[in-house]
Amino acid sequence: MSRAATLPDRLECQLMTINELAKVLTNNTAHKGCADPAQIDLLGEDAIYSAITFLSEMAHNDLCDLLNTLEGVS
């Protein structure tokens, strides 16, 4: 399987992971100050933000690679 063939799958996986991590942060924020405390502390939140940043940079690079590949086909 060529690199170009795997790019859409990788991009989809990266974006879905970013989406799920954002949901975790949203859910955690909703529990702050409640009787049931938030389960992720500030260090955990920072780690998730870092992961989202890292994944979004990878997704951007993969999108650029995919678009460059498509330009070469047409």
N, C-alpha and C. Protein backbone atom coordinates (compact mmCIF):
# COMPACT_ATOMS: atom_id res chain seq x y z
N MET A 1 0.85 -1.17 0.00
CA MET A 1 0.00 0.00 0.00
C MET A 1 0.89 1.24 0.00
N SER A 2 0.60 2.16 -0.88
CA SER A 2 1.42 3.37 -1.00
C SER A 2 1.13 4.36 0.12
N ARG A 3 2.07 5.25 0.31
CA ARG A 3 1.89 6.29 1.34
C ARG A 3 0.66 7.13 1.05
N ALA A 4 0.42 7.44 -0.21
CA ALA A 4 -0.74 8.25 -0.59
C ALA A 4 -2.04 7.55 -0.26
N ALA A 5 -2.05 6.23 -0.33
CA ALA A 5 -3.27 5.48 -0.04
C ALA A 5 -3.58 5.48 1.45
N THR A 6 -2.57 5.58 2.30
CA THR A 6 -2.80 5.55 3.74
C THR A 6 -3.08 6.93 4.33
N LEU A 7 -2.77 8.00 3.60
CA LEU A 7 -2.96 9.35 4.12
C LEU A 7 -4.40 9.65 4.52
N PRO A 8 -5.41 9.34 3.71
CA PRO A 8 -6.78 9.63 4.14
C PRO A 8 -7.16 8.89 5.42
N ASP A 9 -6.74 7.65 5.55
CA ASP A 9 -7.05 6.89 6.76
C ASP A 9 -6.37 7.49 7.98
N ARG A 10 -5.11 7.87 7.83
CA ARG A 10 -4.39 8.49 8.95
C ARG A 10 -5.02 9.82 9.33
N LEU A 11 -5.38 10.61 8.34
CA LEU A 11 -6.00 11.90 8.60
C LEU A 11 -7.33 11.72 9.34
N GLU A 12 -8.12 10.76 8.89
CA GLU A 12 -9.40 10.49 9.56
C GLU A 12 -9.17 10.08 11.02
N CYS A 13 -8.23 9.21 11.26
CA CYS A 13 -7.93 8.75 12.61
C CYS A 13 -7.46 9.91 13.49
N GLN A 14 -6.61 10.76 12.96
CA GLN A 14 -6.11 11.91 13.72
C GLN A 14 -7.25 12.84 14.10
N LEU A 15 -8.12 13.14 13.15
CA LEU A 15 -9.22 14.06 13.42
C LEU A 15 -10.23 13.46 14.40
N MET A 16 -10.49 12.18 14.29
CA MET A 16 -11.41 11.53 15.22
C MET A 16 -10.82 11.51 16.64
N THR A 17 -9.52 11.32 16.74
CA THR A 17 -8.86 11.33 18.05
C THR A 17 -8.92 12.72 18.66
N ILE A 18 -8.67 13.75 17.87
CA ILE A 18 -8.77 15.13 18.35
C ILE A 18 -10.19 15.39 18.86
N ASN A 19 -11.18 14.93 18.12
CA ASN A 19 -12.58 15.10 18.50
C ASN A 19 -12.86 14.45 19.85
N GLU A 20 -12.41 13.22 20.04
CA GLU A 20 -12.64 12.51 21.30
C GLU A 20 -11.92 13.18 22.47
N LEU A 21 -10.69 13.63 22.25
CA LEU A 21 -9.96 14.32 23.31
C LEU A 21 -10.66 15.62 23.70
N ALA A 22 -11.20 16.33 22.73
CA ALA A 22 -11.94 17.56 23.02
C ALA A 22 -13.19 17.25 23.84
N LYS A 23 -13.86 16.14 23.55
CA LYS A 23 -15.03 15.73 24.33
C LYS A 23 -14.64 15.43 25.77
N VAL A 24 -13.50 14.78 25.96
CA VAL A 24 -13.02 14.48 27.32
C VAL A 24 -12.80 15.78 28.09
N LEU A 25 -12.16 16.75 27.46
CA LEU A 25 -11.92 18.04 28.13
C LEU A 25 -13.24 18.75 28.45
N THR A 26 -14.17 18.72 27.52
CA THR A 26 -15.47 19.36 27.74
C THR A 26 -16.20 18.70 28.91
N ASN A 27 -16.21 17.38 28.93
CA ASN A 27 -16.87 16.64 30.01
C ASN A 27 -16.20 16.92 31.34
N ASN A 28 -14.88 16.95 31.35
CA ASN A 28 -14.13 17.20 32.58
C ASN A 28 -14.43 18.61 33.12
N THR A 29 -14.49 19.58 32.22
CA THR A 29 -14.77 20.96 32.62
C THR A 29 -16.16 21.08 33.22
N ALA A 30 -17.12 20.33 32.69
CA ALA A 30 -18.49 20.37 33.20
C ALA A 30 -18.58 19.87 34.63
N HIS A 31 -17.63 19.04 35.06
CA HIS A 31 -17.66 18.49 36.42
C HIS A 31 -16.91 19.33 37.44
N LYS A 32 -16.25 20.36 37.01
CA LYS A 32 -15.50 21.21 37.96
C LYS A 32 -16.48 21.93 38.88
N GLY A 33 -16.23 21.85 40.17
CA GLY A 33 -17.09 22.50 41.15
C GLY A 33 -18.34 21.73 41.51
N CYS A 34 -18.53 20.55 40.94
CA CYS A 34 -19.70 19.72 41.24
C CYS A 34 -19.40 18.78 42.40
N ALA A 35 -20.45 18.13 42.89
CA ALA A 35 -20.29 17.14 43.96
C ALA A 35 -19.39 16.00 43.48
N ASP A 36 -19.56 15.60 42.23
CA ASP A 36 -18.67 14.61 41.63
C ASP A 36 -17.52 15.38 40.98
N PRO A 37 -16.34 15.34 41.59
CA PRO A 37 -15.24 16.18 41.09
C PRO A 37 -14.75 15.73 39.71
N ALA A 38 -14.12 16.68 39.04
CA ALA A 38 -13.49 16.36 37.74
C ALA A 38 -12.45 15.27 37.96
N GLN A 39 -12.33 14.37 37.00
CA GLN A 39 -11.43 13.23 37.16
C GLN A 39 -10.03 13.51 36.63
N ILE A 40 -9.89 14.57 35.87
CA ILE A 40 -8.59 14.90 35.29
C ILE A 40 -8.10 16.20 35.93
N ASP A 41 -6.89 16.17 36.47
CA ASP A 41 -6.34 17.38 37.10
C ASP A 41 -5.72 18.29 36.03
N LEU A 42 -5.16 19.40 36.48
CA LEU A 42 -4.59 20.37 35.54
C LEU A 42 -3.46 19.79 34.70
N LEU A 43 -2.63 18.94 35.30
CA LEU A 43 -1.55 18.32 34.52
C LEU A 43 -2.12 17.41 33.44
N GLY A 44 -3.18 16.69 33.77
CA GLY A 44 -3.84 15.84 32.78
C GLY A 44 -4.44 16.65 31.66
N GLU A 45 -5.07 17.77 32.02
CA GLU A 45 -5.63 18.65 30.99
C GLU A 45 -4.53 19.20 30.08
N ASP A 46 -3.44 19.62 30.69
CA ASP A 46 -2.31 20.12 29.89
C ASP A 46 -1.78 19.05 28.94
N ALA A 47 -1.74 17.81 29.41
CA ALA A 47 -1.28 16.72 28.55
C ALA A 47 -2.22 16.51 27.38
N ILE A 48 -3.53 16.63 27.63
CA ILE A 48 -4.50 16.47 26.55
C ILE A 48 -4.37 17.62 25.56
N TYR A 49 -4.21 18.84 26.05
CA TYR A 49 -4.00 19.98 25.15
C TYR A 49 -2.76 19.78 24.29
N SER A 50 -1.70 19.27 24.89
CA SER A 50 -0.47 19.01 24.14
C SER A 50 -0.69 17.94 23.08
N ALA A 51 -1.45 16.90 23.44
CA ALA A 51 -1.76 15.83 22.47
C ALA A 51 -2.58 16.38 21.31
N ILE A 52 -3.56 17.22 21.61
CA ILE A 52 -4.38 17.82 20.56
C ILE A 52 -3.51 18.67 19.63
N THR A 53 -2.61 19.45 20.21
CA THR A 53 -1.72 20.28 19.40
C THR A 53 -0.84 19.41 18.50
N PHE A 54 -0.25 18.38 19.08
CA PHE A 54 0.61 17.46 18.33
C PHE A 54 -0.16 16.79 17.20
N LEU A 55 -1.35 16.26 17.51
CA LEU A 55 -2.15 15.57 16.50
C LEU A 55 -2.62 16.52 15.41
N SER A 56 -2.96 17.75 15.79
CA SER A 56 -3.42 18.70 14.76
C SER A 56 -2.28 19.09 13.83
N GLU A 57 -1.06 19.19 14.36
CA GLU A 57 0.09 19.46 13.49
C GLU A 57 0.34 18.30 12.54
N MET A 58 0.23 17.07 13.04
CA MET A 58 0.39 15.90 12.18
C MET A 58 -0.71 15.85 11.12
N ALA A 59 -1.95 16.15 11.53
CA ALA A 59 -3.06 16.14 10.58
C ALA A 59 -2.85 17.20 9.50
N HIS A 60 -2.37 18.36 9.89
CA HIS A 60 -2.10 19.42 8.91
C HIS A 60 -1.05 18.97 7.90
N ASN A 61 0.02 18.37 8.40
CA ASN A 61 1.08 17.88 7.50
C ASN A 61 0.55 16.80 6.57
N ASP A 62 -0.26 15.88 7.10
CA ASP A 62 -0.83 14.82 6.26
C ASP A 62 -1.79 15.39 5.23
N LEU A 63 -2.57 16.40 5.61
CA LEU A 63 -3.48 17.03 4.66
C LEU A 63 -2.68 17.70 3.54
N CYS A 64 -1.61 18.39 3.89
CA CYS A 64 -0.76 19.02 2.86
C CYS A 64 -0.16 17.97 1.93
N ASP A 65 0.32 16.86 2.51
CA ASP A 65 0.86 15.77 1.69
C ASP A 65 -0.20 15.21 0.75
N LEU A 66 -1.41 15.02 1.28
CA LEU A 66 -2.50 14.47 0.47
C LEU A 66 -2.84 15.42 -0.68
N LEU A 67 -2.94 16.70 -0.37
CA LEU A 67 -3.27 17.68 -1.42
C LEU A 67 -2.16 17.76 -2.46
N ASN A 68 -0.92 17.70 -2.03
CA ASN A 68 0.19 17.70 -2.99
C ASN A 68 0.16 16.46 -3.87
N THR A 69 -0.20 15.33 -3.30
CA THR A 69 -0.32 14.09 -4.07
C THR A 69 -1.43 14.22 -5.11
N LEU A 70 -2.56 14.80 -4.69
CA LEU A 70 -3.69 14.96 -5.61
C LEU A 70 -3.35 15.94 -6.73
N GLU A 71 -2.58 16.96 -6.43
CA GLU A 71 -2.16 17.91 -7.48
C GLU A 71 -1.30 17.22 -8.52
N GLY A 72 -0.48 16.27 -8.08
CA GLY A 72 0.39 15.54 -9.00
C GLY A 72 -0.38 14.60 -9.91
N VAL A 73 -1.58 14.18 -9.48
CA VAL A 73 -2.40 13.25 -10.26
C VAL A 73 -3.12 13.98 -11.38
N SER A 74 -3.56 15.21 -11.12
CA SER A 74 -4.36 15.91 -12.14
C SER A 74 -3.55 16.61 -13.17
